[in-house]
Amino acid sequence: MKPRFLLDEHLGRVIQRQLRRRDAQIEILLIGDPTASARGMLDPDLLIWLEATGYILVTNDESTIPGHLIDHYNQGRHVPGILWIRDGASLGQIIEALFMIWDASEAEEYVDRLLHIPF
């Protein structure tokens, strides 16, 4: 199965639009979209939502999730993956990295992995 992405609510919708332009089959949601997690959801609940739905989180916020992620793992839980955007990355670099991940890999490759993009 191809990776599916959930963009943090602080990221712009332009990433979603540009990836869908590259290939309409890419599943990419923005927090707050009708079928996505709700805006303002607490991190522990977001991690459970990710695990239940299989979406890989794409975020530029490393300040709060790591502590909750430890608790999540300590409960025997998993995440489909988290992609942290590197400081200073351009929109083009982010879009290209996400497209490459989607195009060249399977979702299972990212389970419980925490990576920074672009690579």
N, C-alpha and C. Protein backbone atom coordinates (compact mmCIF):
# COMPACT_ATOMS: atom_id res chain seq x y z
N MET A 1 0.85 -1.18 0.00
CA MET A 1 0.00 0.00 0.00
C MET A 1 0.90 1.25 0.00
N LYS A 2 0.48 2.24 -0.75
CA LYS A 2 1.21 3.50 -0.83
C LYS A 2 1.07 4.29 0.48
N PRO A 3 2.10 5.07 0.83
CA PRO A 3 1.97 5.93 2.02
C PRO A 3 0.84 6.94 1.85
N ARG A 4 0.19 7.24 2.97
CA ARG A 4 -0.83 8.28 3.01
C ARG A 4 -0.36 9.31 4.03
N PHE A 5 -0.59 10.57 3.74
CA PHE A 5 -0.04 11.65 4.57
C PHE A 5 -1.13 12.48 5.23
N LEU A 6 -0.83 12.90 6.46
CA LEU A 6 -1.65 13.87 7.17
C LEU A 6 -0.76 15.06 7.47
N LEU A 7 -1.09 16.21 6.90
CA LEU A 7 -0.33 17.43 7.13
C LEU A 7 -0.79 18.11 8.40
N ASP A 8 0.17 18.51 9.21
CA ASP A 8 -0.10 19.27 10.42
C ASP A 8 -0.92 20.51 10.06
N GLU A 9 -1.77 20.92 10.97
CA GLU A 9 -2.65 22.06 10.69
C GLU A 9 -1.88 23.36 10.47
N HIS A 10 -0.61 23.41 10.87
CA HIS A 10 0.19 24.63 10.69
C HIS A 10 0.83 24.71 9.30
N LEU A 11 0.74 23.64 8.53
CA LEU A 11 1.30 23.65 7.19
C LEU A 11 0.26 24.16 6.21
N GLY A 12 0.71 24.76 5.16
CA GLY A 12 -0.21 25.34 4.19
C GLY A 12 -0.84 24.29 3.29
N ARG A 13 -2.02 24.62 2.83
CA ARG A 13 -2.75 23.73 1.92
C ARG A 13 -2.05 23.61 0.57
N VAL A 14 -1.10 24.50 0.29
CA VAL A 14 -0.40 24.47 -0.99
C VAL A 14 0.34 23.14 -1.18
N ILE A 15 0.87 22.56 -0.11
CA ILE A 15 1.55 21.28 -0.22
C ILE A 15 0.57 20.22 -0.70
N GLN A 16 -0.60 20.20 -0.12
CA GLN A 16 -1.65 19.26 -0.50
C GLN A 16 -2.03 19.43 -1.98
N ARG A 17 -2.27 20.67 -2.38
CA ARG A 17 -2.67 20.94 -3.77
C ARG A 17 -1.59 20.54 -4.77
N GLN A 18 -0.35 20.89 -4.47
CA GLN A 18 0.74 20.60 -5.40
C GLN A 18 0.99 19.10 -5.55
N LEU A 19 0.90 18.37 -4.44
CA LEU A 19 1.08 16.92 -4.54
C LEU A 19 -0.05 16.29 -5.34
N ARG A 20 -1.26 16.74 -5.14
CA ARG A 20 -2.39 16.20 -5.90
C ARG A 20 -2.27 16.54 -7.38
N ARG A 21 -1.66 17.67 -7.70
CA ARG A 21 -1.43 18.01 -9.11
C ARG A 21 -0.42 17.06 -9.74
N ARG A 22 0.57 16.65 -8.94
CA ARG A 22 1.59 15.73 -9.47
C ARG A 22 0.98 14.36 -9.73
N ASP A 23 0.09 13.93 -8.84
CA ASP A 23 -0.62 12.66 -9.05
C ASP A 23 -1.88 12.68 -8.21
N ALA A 24 -3.00 12.59 -8.86
CA ALA A 24 -4.30 12.68 -8.18
C ALA A 24 -4.56 11.50 -7.24
N GLN A 25 -3.77 10.43 -7.35
CA GLN A 25 -3.97 9.27 -6.50
C GLN A 25 -3.34 9.41 -5.12
N ILE A 26 -2.54 10.44 -4.90
CA ILE A 26 -1.89 10.63 -3.60
C ILE A 26 -2.96 10.95 -2.56
N GLU A 27 -2.94 10.19 -1.47
CA GLU A 27 -3.86 10.46 -0.37
C GLU A 27 -3.14 11.37 0.62
N ILE A 28 -3.61 12.61 0.68
CA ILE A 28 -3.00 13.59 1.56
C ILE A 28 -4.09 14.48 2.14
N LEU A 29 -4.17 14.48 3.45
CA LEU A 29 -5.17 15.26 4.16
C LEU A 29 -4.47 16.34 4.98
N LEU A 30 -5.20 17.37 5.29
CA LEU A 30 -4.75 18.42 6.19
C LEU A 30 -5.61 18.30 7.45
N ILE A 31 -4.96 18.37 8.62
CA ILE A 31 -5.74 18.32 9.86
C ILE A 31 -6.88 19.33 9.75
N GLY A 32 -8.07 18.90 10.06
CA GLY A 32 -9.26 19.75 9.94
C GLY A 32 -10.08 19.46 8.70
N ASP A 33 -9.51 18.72 7.72
CA ASP A 33 -10.31 18.31 6.57
C ASP A 33 -11.45 17.41 7.07
N PRO A 34 -12.54 17.32 6.31
CA PRO A 34 -13.70 16.54 6.77
C PRO A 34 -13.39 15.11 7.19
N THR A 35 -12.50 14.41 6.50
CA THR A 35 -12.20 13.02 6.85
C THR A 35 -10.92 12.87 7.67
N ALA A 36 -10.33 13.98 8.08
CA ALA A 36 -9.09 13.96 8.85
C ALA A 36 -9.37 14.18 10.33
N SER A 37 -8.30 14.15 11.10
CA SER A 37 -8.43 14.46 12.52
C SER A 37 -8.86 15.92 12.68
N ALA A 38 -9.48 16.21 13.81
CA ALA A 38 -10.00 17.56 14.05
C ALA A 38 -8.88 18.53 14.41
N ARG A 39 -9.07 19.79 14.04
CA ARG A 39 -8.13 20.84 14.45
C ARG A 39 -8.13 20.92 15.98
N GLY A 40 -6.95 21.12 16.55
CA GLY A 40 -6.84 21.28 17.99
C GLY A 40 -6.84 19.97 18.77
N MET A 41 -6.84 18.84 18.06
CA MET A 41 -6.82 17.55 18.74
C MET A 41 -5.54 17.44 19.57
N LEU A 42 -5.64 16.92 20.76
CA LEU A 42 -4.47 16.75 21.61
C LEU A 42 -3.54 15.70 21.01
N ASP A 43 -2.23 15.88 21.22
CA ASP A 43 -1.25 14.97 20.61
C ASP A 43 -1.49 13.50 20.93
N PRO A 44 -1.79 13.11 22.18
CA PRO A 44 -2.04 11.68 22.42
C PRO A 44 -3.19 11.14 21.58
N ASP A 45 -4.24 11.93 21.41
CA ASP A 45 -5.37 11.51 20.58
C ASP A 45 -4.99 11.47 19.11
N LEU A 46 -4.16 12.41 18.69
CA LEU A 46 -3.70 12.43 17.30
C LEU A 46 -2.88 11.17 17.00
N LEU A 47 -2.01 10.78 17.90
CA LEU A 47 -1.21 9.57 17.69
C LEU A 47 -2.11 8.34 17.58
N ILE A 48 -3.16 8.27 18.37
CA ILE A 48 -4.11 7.15 18.27
C ILE A 48 -4.85 7.20 16.94
N TRP A 49 -5.23 8.42 16.50
CA TRP A 49 -5.91 8.57 15.20
C TRP A 49 -4.99 8.09 14.07
N LEU A 50 -3.72 8.50 14.12
CA LEU A 50 -2.76 8.08 13.10
C LEU A 50 -2.65 6.56 13.05
N GLU A 51 -2.51 5.96 14.24
CA GLU A 51 -2.38 4.50 14.31
C GLU A 51 -3.61 3.81 13.74
N ALA A 52 -4.78 4.32 14.03
CA ALA A 52 -6.03 3.71 13.57
C ALA A 52 -6.24 3.85 12.07
N THR A 53 -5.77 4.95 11.49
CA THR A 53 -6.04 5.21 10.08
C THR A 53 -4.88 4.90 9.14
N GLY A 54 -3.66 4.82 9.69
CA GLY A 54 -2.49 4.52 8.86
C GLY A 54 -1.88 5.71 8.16
N TYR A 55 -2.28 6.93 8.52
CA TYR A 55 -1.69 8.11 7.90
C TYR A 55 -0.37 8.46 8.56
N ILE A 56 0.60 8.85 7.76
CA ILE A 56 1.91 9.31 8.23
C ILE A 56 1.78 10.80 8.51
N LEU A 57 2.18 11.22 9.69
CA LEU A 57 2.11 12.64 10.05
C LEU A 57 3.27 13.39 9.43
N VAL A 58 2.98 14.55 8.82
CA VAL A 58 3.99 15.46 8.30
C VAL A 58 3.85 16.75 9.10
N THR A 59 4.92 17.12 9.81
CA THR A 59 4.83 18.27 10.69
C THR A 59 6.15 19.02 10.76
N ASN A 60 6.08 20.26 11.18
CA ASN A 60 7.29 21.04 11.43
C ASN A 60 7.41 21.38 12.91
N ASP A 61 6.63 20.71 13.74
CA ASP A 61 6.61 20.98 15.17
C ASP A 61 7.13 19.79 15.96
N GLU A 62 8.38 19.89 16.41
CA GLU A 62 8.97 18.82 17.22
C GLU A 62 8.89 19.12 18.71
N SER A 63 8.14 20.12 19.10
CA SER A 63 8.17 20.56 20.49
C SER A 63 7.31 19.71 21.42
N THR A 64 6.19 19.19 20.96
CA THR A 64 5.28 18.51 21.89
C THR A 64 5.13 17.01 21.64
N ILE A 65 5.20 16.58 20.42
CA ILE A 65 4.92 15.18 20.10
C ILE A 65 5.91 14.19 20.71
N PRO A 66 7.22 14.47 20.75
CA PRO A 66 8.15 13.44 21.25
C PRO A 66 7.81 12.87 22.63
N GLY A 67 7.44 13.68 23.57
CA GLY A 67 7.08 13.18 24.89
C GLY A 67 5.85 12.29 24.86
N HIS A 68 4.87 12.70 24.09
CA HIS A 68 3.65 11.90 23.96
C HIS A 68 3.93 10.60 23.19
N LEU A 69 4.87 10.67 22.27
CA LEU A 69 5.22 9.48 21.49
C LEU A 69 5.85 8.42 22.38
N ILE A 70 6.67 8.81 23.33
CA ILE A 70 7.25 7.86 24.28
C ILE A 70 6.15 7.16 25.06
N ASP A 71 5.18 7.94 25.55
CA ASP A 71 4.05 7.35 26.28
C ASP A 71 3.27 6.39 25.38
N HIS A 72 3.07 6.79 24.14
CA HIS A 72 2.34 5.98 23.15
C HIS A 72 3.05 4.63 22.96
N TYR A 73 4.37 4.66 22.75
CA TYR A 73 5.15 3.43 22.59
C TYR A 73 5.13 2.59 23.86
N ASN A 74 5.22 3.23 25.03
CA ASN A 74 5.21 2.51 26.29
C ASN A 74 3.90 1.77 26.53
N GLN A 75 2.84 2.19 25.86
CA GLN A 75 1.55 1.51 25.95
C GLN A 75 1.45 0.36 24.93
N GLY A 76 2.56 0.09 24.23
CA GLY A 76 2.57 -0.98 23.23
C GLY A 76 1.95 -0.57 21.91
N ARG A 77 1.81 0.70 21.69
CA ARG A 77 1.18 1.21 20.48
C ARG A 77 2.23 1.49 19.42
N HIS A 78 1.77 1.85 18.23
CA HIS A 78 2.65 2.14 17.09
C HIS A 78 2.15 3.37 16.35
N VAL A 79 2.98 3.89 15.48
CA VAL A 79 2.57 4.97 14.57
C VAL A 79 2.98 4.57 13.15
N PRO A 80 2.23 5.03 12.16
CA PRO A 80 2.57 4.72 10.78
C PRO A 80 3.80 5.47 10.29
N GLY A 81 4.30 6.39 11.10
CA GLY A 81 5.48 7.17 10.76
C GLY A 81 5.25 8.65 11.01
N ILE A 82 6.33 9.35 11.27
CA ILE A 82 6.27 10.79 11.43
C ILE A 82 7.41 11.38 10.62
N LEU A 83 7.07 12.35 9.78
CA LEU A 83 8.06 13.06 8.97
C LEU A 83 8.14 14.49 9.47
N TRP A 84 9.30 14.85 10.02
CA TRP A 84 9.51 16.22 10.49
C TRP A 84 10.19 17.01 9.39
N ILE A 85 9.66 18.19 9.11
CA ILE A 85 10.22 19.06 8.08
C ILE A 85 11.40 19.82 8.67
N ARG A 86 12.52 19.74 7.99
CA ARG A 86 13.73 20.43 8.44
C ARG A 86 13.54 21.95 8.36
N ASP A 87 14.11 22.65 9.32
CA ASP A 87 14.10 24.11 9.29
C ASP A 87 14.74 24.59 7.99
N GLY A 88 14.15 25.58 7.38
CA GLY A 88 14.70 26.17 6.17
C GLY A 88 14.35 25.44 4.89
N ALA A 89 13.61 24.34 4.97
CA ALA A 89 13.24 23.61 3.76
C ALA A 89 12.24 24.44 2.96
N SER A 90 12.43 24.49 1.66
CA SER A 90 11.50 25.23 0.80
C SER A 90 10.28 24.37 0.51
N LEU A 91 9.20 25.02 0.09
CA LEU A 91 8.00 24.26 -0.29
C LEU A 91 8.31 23.25 -1.38
N GLY A 92 9.11 23.65 -2.34
CA GLY A 92 9.48 22.74 -3.43
C GLY A 92 10.21 21.51 -2.92
N GLN A 93 11.12 21.69 -1.96
CA GLN A 93 11.85 20.56 -1.39
C GLN A 93 10.92 19.63 -0.62
N ILE A 94 9.99 20.21 0.12
CA ILE A 94 9.05 19.40 0.89
C ILE A 94 8.15 18.59 -0.05
N ILE A 95 7.63 19.25 -1.06
CA ILE A 95 6.75 18.58 -2.03
C ILE A 95 7.49 17.47 -2.75
N GLU A 96 8.72 17.74 -3.17
CA GLU A 96 9.52 16.73 -3.86
C GLU A 96 9.81 15.54 -2.95
N ALA A 97 10.16 15.79 -1.69
CA ALA A 97 10.46 14.70 -0.75
C ALA A 97 9.22 13.83 -0.52
N LEU A 98 8.07 14.45 -0.32
CA LEU A 98 6.85 13.69 -0.10
C LEU A 98 6.46 12.89 -1.34
N PHE A 99 6.63 13.50 -2.51
CA PHE A 99 6.30 12.78 -3.74
C PHE A 99 7.22 11.58 -3.91
N MET A 100 8.51 11.75 -3.64
CA MET A 100 9.46 10.64 -3.77
C MET A 100 9.11 9.51 -2.81
N ILE A 101 8.75 9.86 -1.57
CA ILE A 101 8.36 8.85 -0.59
C ILE A 101 7.14 8.09 -1.10
N TRP A 102 6.15 8.83 -1.59
CA TRP A 102 4.92 8.20 -2.08
C TRP A 102 5.20 7.32 -3.30
N ASP A 103 5.99 7.84 -4.21
CA ASP A 103 6.22 7.17 -5.49
C ASP A 103 7.11 5.93 -5.37
N ALA A 104 8.08 5.98 -4.46
CA ALA A 104 9.12 4.94 -4.45
C ALA A 104 9.07 3.99 -3.25
N SER A 105 8.04 4.08 -2.43
CA SER A 105 8.05 3.23 -1.24
C SER A 105 6.66 2.74 -0.88
N GLU A 106 6.62 1.88 0.12
CA GLU A 106 5.38 1.34 0.65
C GLU A 106 5.18 1.88 2.06
N ALA A 107 3.95 2.02 2.47
CA ALA A 107 3.63 2.58 3.78
C ALA A 107 4.30 1.80 4.91
N GLU A 108 4.41 0.50 4.79
CA GLU A 108 4.96 -0.34 5.84
C GLU A 108 6.41 0.02 6.17
N GLU A 109 7.11 0.63 5.23
CA GLU A 109 8.51 1.01 5.44
C GLU A 109 8.67 2.10 6.48
N TYR A 110 7.59 2.80 6.82
CA TYR A 110 7.67 3.95 7.72
C TYR A 110 7.08 3.70 9.10
N VAL A 111 6.54 2.51 9.33
CA VAL A 111 5.93 2.21 10.63
C VAL A 111 6.97 2.39 11.74
N ASP A 112 6.60 3.20 12.72
CA ASP A 112 7.43 3.51 13.89
C ASP A 112 8.74 4.22 13.54
N ARG A 113 8.82 4.78 12.35
CA ARG A 113 10.02 5.54 11.96
C ARG A 113 9.75 7.02 12.09
N LEU A 114 10.77 7.74 12.53
CA LEU A 114 10.72 9.19 12.64
C LEU A 114 11.85 9.73 11.79
N LEU A 115 11.49 10.46 10.75
CA LEU A 115 12.48 10.94 9.79
C LEU A 115 12.35 12.44 9.58
N HIS A 116 13.46 13.05 9.20
CA HIS A 116 13.44 14.46 8.82
C HIS A 116 13.46 14.56 7.29
N ILE A 117 12.64 15.45 6.76
CA ILE A 117 12.63 15.69 5.31
C ILE A 117 12.86 17.18 5.07
N PRO A 118 13.39 17.58 3.93
CA PRO A 118 13.99 16.68 2.93
C PRO A 118 15.20 15.96 3.52
N PHE A 119 15.52 14.82 2.88
CA PHE A 119 16.55 13.93 3.41
C PHE A 119 17.88 14.55 3.41
